Structure formats: structure tokens, C-alpha cells
Amino acid sequence: MYIIFQKNFKQYLAKVGSYLKVDRLKNKINSLVEFNQILSIYDKKIIKIGNPFVPHAKVIVKVISHLQGKKIKIIKFRRRKHSKKKQGHRQKFTLIKIEKISF
């Protein structure tokens, strides 16, 4: 069984037991979180597509850990102006495990 769900305007393809990296959640480690915005469900013989979401469908995930991505260096340079700006960024992620899908 596969599902496509939406979190923070991003879409993820998942099945039970899979691990995903999503944008940072404010929940604690080992807590269970429920997502209701299920776009579609693909089972062996059943295909449900929402308009925009499948009613009464939900996915329960477990928060495994909070991570940070690789450091990205940002350099802004203006030629002939003697101006340069250097900046860095590390994106924050949350690693989740899909525990249960119900519809």
C-alpha cells in the first residue's frame, strides 16, 4: 500500500515502515504524529484519489530524530563595486517513520 500525503505544501510518497525526511516538526522524539492531508491511496486493487484530500484517511508517523542538512555557502558579489557578502545556511529536517495508514 502506497500513499501520497502533503505536509507544509510538499508532497511525499510513502508506505508502511518507510523512513522520510520532512521539514522540521516541533514534536518530541519518539512521539506519534497524525497527518490528515492524504492526497491519494494506492492499494493492490483499490485506488482512492482525493478532491483535494481523501476523506477520513490519516497516516500516523513516529518522530525518530531531528537532523540538519549540509552547509550551503551563499556568496553575493557585485563586480567593480568592491562589494561582497558571504552567508551560510543549514536546513533543519525531521526523520520520521510511517507507522500506520488508515482510510
PDB file of N, CA and C in Angstrom:
ATOM      1  N   MET A   1       0.840  -1.181   0.000  1.00  0.00           N
ATOM      2  CA  MET A   1       0.000   0.000   0.000  1.00  0.00           C
ATOM      3  C   MET A   1       0.885   1.244   0.000  1.00  0.00           C
ATOM      4  N   TYR A   2       0.613   2.141  -0.917  1.00  0.00           N
ATOM      5  CA  TYR A   2       1.326   3.407  -1.010  1.00  0.00           C
ATOM      6  C   TYR A   2       0.351   4.552  -0.801  1.00  0.00           C
ATOM      7  N   ILE A   3       0.855   5.640  -0.230  1.00  0.00           N
ATOM      8  CA  ILE A   3       0.043   6.848  -0.096  1.00  0.00           C
ATOM      9  C   ILE A   3       0.876   8.046  -0.533  1.00  0.00           C
ATOM     10  N   ILE A   4       0.176   9.082  -0.902  1.00  0.00           N
ATOM     11  CA  ILE A   4       0.802  10.381  -1.146  1.00  0.00           C
ATOM     12  C   ILE A   4       0.142  11.351  -0.184  1.00  0.00           C
ATOM     13  N   PHE A   5       0.951  11.946   0.691  1.00  0.00           N
ATOM     14  CA  PHE A   5       0.405  12.900   1.642  1.00  0.00           C
ATOM     15  C   PHE A   5       1.128  14.230   1.516  1.00  0.00           C
ATOM     16  N   GLN A   6       0.491  15.253   2.061  1.00  0.00           N
ATOM     17  CA  GLN A   6       1.004  16.620   1.951  1.00  0.00           C
ATOM     18  C   GLN A   6       1.309  17.162   3.333  1.00  0.00           C
ATOM     19  N   LYS A   7       2.487  17.787   3.470  1.00  0.00           N
ATOM     20  CA  LYS A   7       2.880  18.431   4.720  1.00  0.00           C
ATOM     21  C   LYS A   7       3.637  19.690   4.362  1.00  0.00           C
ATOM     22  N   ASN A   8       3.155  20.843   4.819  1.00  0.00           N
ATOM     23  CA  ASN A   8       3.766  22.142   4.528  1.00  0.00           C
ATOM     24  C   ASN A   8       3.901  22.384   3.032  1.00  0.00           C
ATOM     25  N   PHE A   9       2.854  22.078   2.275  1.00  0.00           N
ATOM     26  CA  PHE A   9       2.784  22.291   0.830  1.00  0.00           C
ATOM     27  C   PHE A   9       3.810  21.468   0.045  1.00  0.00           C
ATOM     28  N   LYS A  10       4.354  20.422   0.648  1.00  0.00           N
ATOM     29  CA  LYS A  10       5.237  19.486  -0.043  1.00  0.00           C
ATOM     30  C   LYS A  10       4.571  18.122  -0.025  1.00  0.00           C
ATOM     31  N   GLN A  11       4.760  17.346  -1.090  1.00  0.00           N
ATOM     32  CA  GLN A  11       4.117  16.056  -1.208  1.00  0.00           C
ATOM     33  C   GLN A  11       5.143  14.933  -1.051  1.00  0.00           C
ATOM     34  N   TYR A  12       4.751  13.869  -0.348  1.00  0.00           N
ATOM     35  CA  TYR A  12       5.644  12.754  -0.055  1.00  0.00           C
ATOM     36  C   TYR A  12       4.961  11.446  -0.426  1.00  0.00           C
ATOM     37  N   LEU A  13       5.712  10.520  -1.018  1.00  0.00           N
ATOM     38  CA  LEU A  13       5.248   9.179  -1.331  1.00  0.00           C
ATOM     39  C   LEU A  13       5.779   8.243  -0.254  1.00  0.00           C
ATOM     40  N   ALA A  14       4.899   7.447   0.360  1.00  0.00           N
ATOM     41  CA  ALA A  14       5.331   6.629   1.486  1.00  0.00           C
ATOM     42  C   ALA A  14       4.552   5.326   1.541  1.00  0.00           C
ATOM     43  N   LYS A  15       5.122   4.343   2.237  1.00  0.00           N
ATOM     44  CA  LYS A  15       4.425   3.111   2.557  1.00  0.00           C
ATOM     45  C   LYS A  15       4.753   2.772   4.008  1.00  0.00           C
ATOM     46  N   VAL A  16       4.046   1.819   4.574  1.00  0.00           N
ATOM     47  CA  VAL A  16       4.226   1.471   5.984  1.00  0.00           C
ATOM     48  C   VAL A  16       5.634   0.927   6.198  1.00  0.00           C
ATOM     49  N   GLY A  17       6.315   1.469   7.203  1.00  0.00           N
ATOM     50  CA  GLY A  17       7.665   1.033   7.526  1.00  0.00           C
ATOM     51  C   GLY A  17       8.763   1.845   6.865  1.00  0.00           C
ATOM     52  N   SER A  18       8.415   2.785   5.997  1.00  0.00           N
ATOM     53  CA  SER A  18       9.449   3.572   5.319  1.00  0.00           C
ATOM     54  C   SER A  18       9.840   4.789   6.162  1.00  0.00           C
ATOM     55  N   TYR A  19      11.050   5.270   5.918  1.00  0.00           N
ATOM     56  CA  TYR A  19      11.590   6.441   6.610  1.00  0.00           C
ATOM     57  C   TYR A  19      11.615   7.608   5.639  1.00  0.00           C
ATOM     58  N   LEU A  20      11.273   8.808   6.137  1.00  0.00           N
ATOM     59  CA  LEU A  20      11.264  10.014   5.319  1.00  0.00           C
ATOM     60  C   LEU A  20      11.910  11.160   6.075  1.00  0.00           C
ATOM     61  N   LYS A  21      12.513  12.078   5.326  1.00  0.00           N
ATOM     62  CA  LYS A  21      12.996  13.334   5.899  1.00  0.00           C
ATOM     63  C   LYS A  21      12.027  14.429   5.483  1.00  0.00           C
ATOM     64  N   VAL A  22      11.382  15.050   6.461  1.00  0.00           N
ATOM     65  CA  VAL A  22      10.457  16.148   6.197  1.00  0.00           C
ATOM     66  C   VAL A  22      10.994  17.405   6.871  1.00  0.00           C
ATOM     67  N   ASP A  23      10.399  18.538   6.554  1.00  0.00           N
ATOM     68  CA  ASP A  23      10.798  19.780   7.209  1.00  0.00           C
ATOM     69  C   ASP A  23      10.589  19.654   8.709  1.00  0.00           C
ATOM     70  N   ARG A  24      11.318  20.436   9.470  1.00  0.00           N
ATOM     71  CA  ARG A  24      11.360  20.323  10.933  1.00  0.00           C
ATOM     72  C   ARG A  24       9.973  20.376  11.537  1.00  0.00           C
ATOM     73  N   LEU A  25       9.665  19.369  12.373  1.00  0.00           N
ATOM     74  CA  LEU A  25       8.441  19.333  13.164  1.00  0.00           C
ATOM     75  C   LEU A  25       8.772  19.737  14.594  1.00  0.00           C
ATOM     76  N   LYS A  26       7.808  20.271  15.313  1.00  0.00           N
ATOM     77  CA  LYS A  26       8.042  20.732  16.683  1.00  0.00           C
ATOM     78  C   LYS A  26       7.787  19.639  17.718  1.00  0.00           C
ATOM     79  N   ASN A  27       7.507  18.426  17.275  1.00  0.00           N
ATOM     80  CA  ASN A  27       7.209  17.336  18.193  1.00  0.00           C
ATOM     81  C   ASN A  27       8.488  16.733  18.754  1.00  0.00           C
ATOM     82  N   LYS A  28       8.351  16.093  19.921  1.00  0.00           N
ATOM     83  CA  LYS A  28       9.499  15.478  20.575  1.00  0.00           C
ATOM     84  C   LYS A  28       9.820  14.127  19.924  1.00  0.00           C
ATOM     85  N   ILE A  29      11.039  13.645  20.183  1.00  0.00           N
ATOM     86  CA  ILE A  29      11.480  12.359  19.653  1.00  0.00           C
ATOM     87  C   ILE A  29      10.652  11.241  20.287  1.00  0.00           C
ATOM     88  N   ASN A  30      10.316  10.225  19.490  1.00  0.00           N
ATOM     89  CA  ASN A  30       9.503   9.063  19.855  1.00  0.00           C
ATOM     90  C   ASN A  30       8.035   9.403  20.071  1.00  0.00           C
ATOM     91  N   SER A  31       7.583  10.579  19.679  1.00  0.00           N
ATOM     92  CA  SER A  31       6.164  10.902  19.775  1.00  0.00           C
ATOM     93  C   SER A  31       5.471  10.528  18.465  1.00  0.00           C
ATOM     94  N   LEU A  32       4.172  10.274  18.558  1.00  0.00           N
ATOM     95  CA  LEU A  32       3.381   9.932  17.380  1.00  0.00           C
ATOM     96  C   LEU A  32       2.658  11.167  16.878  1.00  0.00           C
ATOM     97  N   VAL A  33       2.659  11.344  15.558  1.00  0.00           N
ATOM     98  CA  VAL A  33       2.034  12.499  14.916  1.00  0.00           C
ATOM     99  C   VAL A  33       1.066  11.976  13.863  1.00  0.00           C
ATOM    100  N   GLU A  34      -0.070  12.650  13.719  1.00  0.00           N
ATOM    101  CA  GLU A  34      -1.082  12.235  12.752  1.00  0.00           C
ATOM    102  C   GLU A  34      -1.198  13.290  11.660  1.00  0.00           C
ATOM    103  N   PHE A  35      -1.140  12.861  10.392  1.00  0.00           N
ATOM    104  CA  PHE A  35      -1.329  13.746   9.243  1.00  0.00           C
ATOM    105  C   PHE A  35      -2.642  13.379   8.572  1.00  0.00           C
ATOM    106  N   ASN A  36      -3.469  14.398   8.278  1.00  0.00           N
ATOM    107  CA  ASN A  36      -4.785  14.171   7.685  1.00  0.00           C
ATOM    108  C   ASN A  36      -4.846  14.518   6.206  1.00  0.00           C
ATOM    109  N   GLN A  37      -3.849  15.173   5.677  1.00  0.00           N
ATOM    110  CA  GLN A  37      -3.905  15.644   4.299  1.00  0.00           C
ATOM    111  C   GLN A  37      -3.379  14.565   3.350  1.00  0.00           C
ATOM    112  N   ILE A  38      -4.190  13.544   3.126  1.00  0.00           N
ATOM    113  CA  ILE A  38      -3.842  12.433   2.246  1.00  0.00           C
ATOM    114  C   ILE A  38      -4.395  12.742   0.857  1.00  0.00           C
ATOM    115  N   LEU A  39      -3.512  12.792  -0.130  1.00  0.00           N
ATOM    116  CA  LEU A  39      -3.930  13.127  -1.486  1.00  0.00           C
ATOM    117  C   LEU A  39      -4.441  11.911  -2.249  1.00  0.00           C
ATOM    118  N   SER A  40      -3.765  10.754  -2.096  1.00  0.00           N
ATOM    119  CA  SER A  40      -4.220   9.549  -2.778  1.00  0.00           C
ATOM    120  C   SER A  40      -3.694   8.310  -2.063  1.00  0.00           C
ATOM    121  N   ILE A  41      -4.419   7.211  -2.253  1.00  0.00           N
ATOM    122  CA  ILE A  41      -4.077   5.924  -1.645  1.00  0.00           C
ATOM    123  C   ILE A  41      -4.068   4.879  -2.752  1.00  0.00           C
ATOM    124  N   TYR A  42      -2.997   4.100  -2.817  1.00  0.00           N
ATOM    125  CA  TYR A  42      -2.867   3.037  -3.805  1.00  0.00           C
ATOM    126  C   TYR A  42      -2.697   1.710  -3.075  1.00  0.00           C
ATOM    127  N   ASP A  43      -3.710   0.857  -3.145  1.00  0.00           N
ATOM    128  CA  ASP A  43      -3.627  -0.482  -2.594  1.00  0.00           C
ATOM    129  C   ASP A  43      -3.568  -1.443  -3.781  1.00  0.00           C
ATOM    130  N   LYS A  44      -3.588  -2.742  -3.528  1.00  0.00           N
ATOM    131  CA  LYS A  44      -3.481  -3.701  -4.628  1.00  0.00           C
ATOM    132  C   LYS A  44      -4.617  -3.545  -5.637  1.00  0.00           C
ATOM    133  N   LYS A  45      -5.847  -3.430  -5.150  1.00  0.00           N
ATOM    134  CA  LYS A  45      -6.992  -3.305  -6.053  1.00  0.00           C
ATOM    135  C   LYS A  45      -7.766  -2.004  -5.853  1.00  0.00           C
ATOM    136  N   ILE A  46      -7.409  -1.244  -4.827  1.00  0.00           N
ATOM    137  CA  ILE A  46      -8.146  -0.022  -4.506  1.00  0.00           C
ATOM    138  C   ILE A  46      -7.277   1.187  -4.803  1.00  0.00           C
ATOM    139  N   ILE A  47      -7.837   2.133  -5.532  1.00  0.00           N
ATOM    140  CA  ILE A  47      -7.173   3.410  -5.769  1.00  0.00           C
ATOM    141  C   ILE A  47      -8.156   4.497  -5.363  1.00  0.00           C
ATOM    142  N   LYS A  48      -7.766   5.308  -4.370  1.00  0.00           N
ATOM    143  CA  LYS A  48      -8.611   6.422  -3.933  1.00  0.00           C
ATOM    144  C   LYS A  48      -7.844   7.711  -4.183  1.00  0.00           C
ATOM    145  N   ILE A  49      -8.486   8.621  -4.888  1.00  0.00           N
ATOM    146  CA  ILE A  49      -7.890   9.917  -5.179  1.00  0.00           C
ATOM    147  C   ILE A  49      -8.786  10.978  -4.565  1.00  0.00           C
ATOM    148  N   GLY A  50      -8.185  11.871  -3.795  1.00  0.00           N
ATOM    149  CA  GLY A  50      -8.941  12.895  -3.096  1.00  0.00           C
ATOM    150  C   GLY A  50      -9.263  14.093  -3.966  1.00  0.00           C
ATOM    151  N   ASN A  51     -10.175  14.908  -3.445  1.00  0.00           N
ATOM    152  CA  ASN A  51     -10.567  16.113  -4.167  1.00  0.00           C
ATOM    153  C   ASN A  51     -10.694  17.263  -3.176  1.00  0.00           C
ATOM    154  N   PRO A  52      -9.663  17.870  -2.651  1.00  0.00           N
ATOM    155  CA  PRO A  52      -8.239  17.614  -2.832  1.00  0.00           C
ATOM    156  C   PRO A  52      -7.704  16.525  -1.917  1.00  0.00           C
ATOM    157  N   PHE A  53      -8.422  16.179  -0.815  1.00  0.00           N
ATOM    158  CA  PHE A  53      -7.931  15.176   0.119  1.00  0.00           C
ATOM    159  C   PHE A  53      -8.924  14.028   0.223  1.00  0.00           C
ATOM    160  N   VAL A  54      -8.431  12.848   0.577  1.00  0.00           N
ATOM    161  CA  VAL A  54      -9.282  11.676   0.783  1.00  0.00           C
ATOM    162  C   VAL A  54      -9.963  11.824   2.139  1.00  0.00           C
ATOM    163  N   PRO A  55     -11.299  11.766   2.187  1.00  0.00           N
ATOM    164  CA  PRO A  55     -11.982  11.937   3.483  1.00  0.00           C
ATOM    165  C   PRO A  55     -11.735  10.749   4.410  1.00  0.00           C
ATOM    166  N   HIS A  56     -11.620  11.024   5.690  1.00  0.00           N
ATOM    167  CA  HIS A  56     -11.450  10.042   6.768  1.00  0.00           C
ATOM    168  C   HIS A  56     -10.155   9.244   6.659  1.00  0.00           C
ATOM    169  N   ALA A  57      -9.206   9.693   5.880  1.00  0.00           N
ATOM    170  CA  ALA A  57      -7.917   8.996   5.763  1.00  0.00           C
ATOM    171  C   ALA A  57      -6.888   9.717   6.625  1.00  0.00           C
ATOM    172  N   LYS A  58      -5.989   8.931   7.208  1.00  0.00           N
ATOM    173  CA  LYS A  58      -4.937   9.534   8.018  1.00  0.00           C
ATOM    174  C   LYS A  58      -3.731   8.602   8.041  1.00  0.00           C
ATOM    175  N   VAL A  59      -2.589   9.185   8.337  1.00  0.00           N
ATOM    176  CA  VAL A  59      -1.364   8.424   8.471  1.00  0.00           C
ATOM    177  C   VAL A  59      -0.747   8.799   9.819  1.00  0.00           C
ATOM    178  N   ILE A  60      -0.295   7.794  10.550  1.00  0.00           N
ATOM    179  CA  ILE A  60       0.344   8.020  11.847  1.00  0.00           C
ATOM    180  C   ILE A  60       1.828   7.750  11.690  1.00  0.00           C
ATOM    181  N   VAL A  61       2.644   8.738  12.065  1.00  0.00           N
ATOM    182  CA  VAL A  61       4.092   8.625  11.933  1.00  0.00           C
ATOM    183  C   VAL A  61       4.745   8.772  13.301  1.00  0.00           C
ATOM    184  N   LYS A  62       5.953   8.233  13.418  1.00  0.00           N
ATOM    185  CA  LYS A  62       6.726   8.332  14.643  1.00  0.00           C
ATOM    186  C   LYS A  62       7.953   9.178  14.366  1.00  0.00           C
ATOM    187  N   VAL A  63       8.225  10.161  15.226  1.00  0.00           N
ATOM    188  CA  VAL A  63       9.393  11.032  15.072  1.00  0.00           C
ATOM    189  C   VAL A  63      10.615  10.269  15.576  1.00  0.00           C
ATOM    190  N   ILE A  64      11.590  10.069  14.683  1.00  0.00           N
ATOM    191  CA  ILE A  64      12.794   9.318  15.031  1.00  0.00           C
ATOM    192  C   ILE A  64      13.892  10.254  15.544  1.00  0.00           C
ATOM    193  N   SER A  65      14.204  11.304  14.790  1.00  0.00           N
ATOM    194  CA  SER A  65      15.251  12.235  15.221  1.00  0.00           C
ATOM    195  C   SER A  65      15.115  13.546  14.461  1.00  0.00           C
ATOM    196  N   HIS A  66      15.826  14.545  14.961  1.00  0.00           N
ATOM    197  CA  HIS A  66      15.908  15.853  14.303  1.00  0.00           C
ATOM    198  C   HIS A  66      17.316  15.989  13.739  1.00  0.00           C
ATOM    199  N   LEU A  67      17.409  16.417  12.479  1.00  0.00           N
ATOM    200  CA  LEU A  67      18.683  16.477  11.762  1.00  0.00           C
ATOM    201  C   LEU A  67      18.907  17.847  11.158  1.00  0.00           C
ATOM    202  N   GLN A  68      20.142  18.066  10.697  1.00  0.00           N
ATOM    203  CA  GLN A  68      20.463  19.252   9.911  1.00  0.00           C
ATOM    204  C   GLN A  68      21.106  18.805   8.614  1.00  0.00           C
ATOM    205  N   GLY A  69      20.829  19.525   7.543  1.00  0.00           N
ATOM    206  CA  GLY A  69      21.411  19.210   6.249  1.00  0.00           C
ATOM    207  C   GLY A  69      22.834  19.725   6.139  1.00  0.00           C
ATOM    208  N   LYS A  70      23.401  19.560   4.942  1.00  0.00           N
ATOM    209  CA  LYS A  70      24.752  20.034   4.712  1.00  0.00           C
ATOM    210  C   LYS A  70      24.777  21.561   4.673  1.00  0.00           C
ATOM    211  N   LYS A  71      25.924  22.122   4.991  1.00  0.00           N
ATOM    212  CA  LYS A  71      26.095  23.572   4.974  1.00  0.00           C
ATOM    213  C   LYS A  71      26.165  24.047   3.524  1.00  0.00           C
ATOM    214  N   ILE A  72      25.390  25.073   3.218  1.00  0.00           N
ATOM    215  CA  ILE A  72      25.392  25.677   1.892  1.00  0.00           C
ATOM    216  C   ILE A  72      25.994  27.068   2.021  1.00  0.00           C
ATOM    217  N   LYS A  73      26.983  27.364   1.185  1.00  0.00           N
ATOM    218  CA  LYS A  73      27.610  28.677   1.201  1.00  0.00           C
ATOM    219  C   LYS A  73      26.967  29.551   0.130  1.00  0.00           C
ATOM    220  N   ILE A  74      26.619  30.756   0.538  1.00  0.00           N
ATOM    221  CA  ILE A  74      25.985  31.714  -0.361  1.00  0.00           C
ATOM    222  C   ILE A  74      26.917  32.913  -0.465  1.00  0.00           C
ATOM    223  N   ILE A  75      27.334  33.238  -1.684  1.00  0.00           N
ATOM    224  CA  ILE A  75      28.229  34.375  -1.901  1.00  0.00           C
ATOM    225  C   ILE A  75      27.568  35.308  -2.905  1.00  0.00           C
ATOM    226  N   LYS A  76      27.398  36.554  -2.503  1.00  0.00           N
ATOM    227  CA  LYS A  76      26.858  37.580  -3.389  1.00  0.00           C
ATOM    228  C   LYS A  76      27.991  38.554  -3.693  1.00  0.00           C
ATOM    229  N   PHE A  77      28.250  38.758  -4.951  1.00  0.00           N
ATOM    230  CA  PHE A  77      29.406  39.552  -5.375  1.00  0.00           C
ATOM    231  C   PHE A  77      28.962  40.528  -6.454  1.00  0.00           C
ATOM    232  N   ARG A  78      29.295  41.789  -6.266  1.00  0.00           N
ATOM    233  CA  ARG A  78      28.996  42.815  -7.265  1.00  0.00           C
ATOM    234  C   ARG A  78      30.310  43.271  -7.886  1.00  0.00           C
ATOM    235  N   ARG A  79      30.446  43.055  -9.147  1.00  0.00           N
ATOM    236  CA  ARG A  79      31.697  43.391  -9.808  1.00  0.00           C
ATOM    237  C   ARG A  79      31.879  44.902  -9.905  1.00  0.00           C
ATOM    238  N   ARG A  80      33.082  45.301  -9.804  1.00  0.00           N
ATOM    239  CA  ARG A  80      33.512  46.698  -9.919  1.00  0.00           C
ATOM    240  C   ARG A  80      32.901  47.611  -8.851  1.00  0.00           C
ATOM    241  N   LYS A  81      32.304  47.083  -7.822  1.00  0.00           N
ATOM    242  CA  LYS A  81      31.704  47.904  -6.764  1.00  0.00           C
ATOM    243  C   LYS A  81      32.438  47.714  -5.441  1.00  0.00           C
ATOM    244  N   HIS A  82      33.371  46.790  -5.390  1.00  0.00           N
ATOM    245  CA  HIS A  82      34.115  46.472  -4.178  1.00  0.00           C
ATOM    246  C   HIS A  82      33.151  46.058  -3.055  1.00  0.00           C
ATOM    247  N   SER A  83      32.200  45.173  -3.449  1.00  0.00           N
ATOM    248  CA  SER A  83      31.182  44.733  -2.512  1.00  0.00           C
ATOM    249  C   SER A  83      31.058  43.215  -2.595  1.00  0.00           C
ATOM    250  N   LYS A  84      31.079  42.574  -1.440  1.00  0.00           N
ATOM    251  CA  LYS A  84      30.953  41.123  -1.385  1.00  0.00           C
ATOM    252  C   LYS A  84      30.257  40.754  -0.072  1.00  0.00           C
ATOM    253  N   LYS A  85      29.382  39.741  -0.144  1.00  0.00           N
ATOM    254  CA  LYS A  85      28.670  39.284   1.041  1.00  0.00           C
ATOM    255  C   LYS A  85      28.726  37.758   1.066  1.00  0.00           C
ATOM    256  N   LYS A  86      29.121  37.184   2.195  1.00  0.00           N
ATOM    257  CA  LYS A  86      29.211  35.741   2.345  1.00  0.00           C
ATOM    258  C   LYS A  86      28.257  35.308   3.453  1.00  0.00           C
ATOM    259  N   GLN A  87      27.523  34.226   3.188  1.00  0.00           N
ATOM    260  CA  GLN A  87      26.496  33.779   4.110  1.00  0.00           C
ATOM    261  C   GLN A  87      26.425  32.262   4.064  1.00  0.00           C
ATOM    262  N   GLY A  88      25.916  31.625   5.109  1.00  0.00           N
ATOM    263  CA  GLY A  88      25.749  30.180   5.140  1.00  0.00           C
ATOM    264  C   GLY A  88      24.351  29.801   5.590  1.00  0.00           C
ATOM    265  N   HIS A  89      23.951  28.561   5.271  1.00  0.00           N
ATOM    266  CA  HIS A  89      22.614  28.085   5.633  1.00  0.00           C
ATOM    267  C   HIS A  89      22.659  26.577   5.837  1.00  0.00           C
ATOM    268  N   ARG A  90      21.987  26.084   6.894  1.00  0.00           N
ATOM    269  CA  ARG A  90      21.802  24.654   7.122  1.00  0.00           C
ATOM    270  C   ARG A  90      20.319  24.397   7.328  1.00  0.00           C
ATOM    271  N   GLN A  91      19.725  23.615   6.443  1.00  0.00           N
ATOM    272  CA  GLN A  91      18.310  23.289   6.534  1.00  0.00           C
ATOM    273  C   GLN A  91      18.086  22.276   7.654  1.00  0.00           C
ATOM    274  N   LYS A  92      17.001  22.434   8.405  1.00  0.00           N
ATOM    275  CA  LYS A  92      16.678  21.531   9.508  1.00  0.00           C
ATOM    276  C   LYS A  92      15.600  20.539   9.054  1.00  0.00           C
ATOM    277  N   PHE A  93      15.813  19.261   9.356  1.00  0.00           N
ATOM    278  CA  PHE A  93      14.908  18.193   8.966  1.00  0.00           C
ATOM    279  C   PHE A  93      14.462  17.396  10.184  1.00  0.00           C
ATOM    280  N   THR A  94      13.412  16.612   9.989  1.00  0.00           N
ATOM    281  CA  THR A  94      12.972  15.639  10.972  1.00  0.00           C
ATOM    282  C   THR A  94      12.851  14.299  10.262  1.00  0.00           C
ATOM    283  N   LEU A  95      13.459  13.268  10.834  1.00  0.00           N
ATOM    284  CA  LEU A  95      13.369  11.916  10.287  1.00  0.00           C
ATOM    285  C   LEU A  95      12.164  11.236  10.919  1.00  0.00           C
ATOM    286  N   ILE A  96      11.232  10.759  10.071  1.00  0.00           N
ATOM    287  CA  ILE A  96      10.015  10.117  10.568  1.00  0.00           C
ATOM    288  C   ILE A  96       9.903   8.703   9.989  1.00  0.00           C
ATOM    289  N   LYS A  97       9.158   7.868  10.707  1.00  0.00           N
ATOM    290  CA  LYS A  97       8.860   6.511  10.241  1.00  0.00           C
ATOM    291  C   LYS A  97       7.351   6.362  10.125  1.00  0.00           C
ATOM    292  N   ILE A  98       6.879   5.824   8.997  1.00  0.00           N
ATOM    293  CA  ILE A  98       5.448   5.631   8.786  1.00  0.00           C
ATOM    294  C   ILE A  98       5.019   4.409   9.580  1.00  0.00           C
ATOM    295  N   GLU A  99       4.135   4.607  10.548  1.00  0.00           N
ATOM    296  CA  GLU A  99       3.677   3.518  11.419  1.00  0.00           C
ATOM    297  C   GLU A  99       2.390   2.861  10.926  1.00  0.00           C
ATOM    298  N   LYS A 100       1.382   3.668  10.588  1.00  0.00           N
ATOM    299  CA  LYS A 100       0.074   3.112  10.279  1.00  0.00           C
ATOM    300  C   LYS A 100      -0.652   4.002   9.273  1.00  0.00           C
ATOM    301  N   ILE A 101      -1.356   3.360   8.338  1.00  0.00           N
ATOM    302  CA  ILE A 101      -2.185   4.074   7.372  1.00  0.00           C
ATOM    303  C   ILE A 101      -3.608   3.562   7.535  1.00  0.00           C
ATOM    304  N   SER A 102      -4.552   4.472   7.683  1.00  0.00           N
ATOM    305  CA  SER A 102      -5.952   4.047   7.795  1.00  0.00           C
ATOM    306  C   SER A 102      -6.823   4.922   6.910  1.00  0.00           C
ATOM    307  N   PHE A 103      -7.857   4.285   6.316  1.00  0.00           N
ATOM    308  CA  PHE A 103      -8.796   5.018   5.475  1.00  0.00           C
ATOM    309  C   PHE A 103     -10.164   4.368   5.526  1.00  0.00           C
TER     310      PHE A 103
END
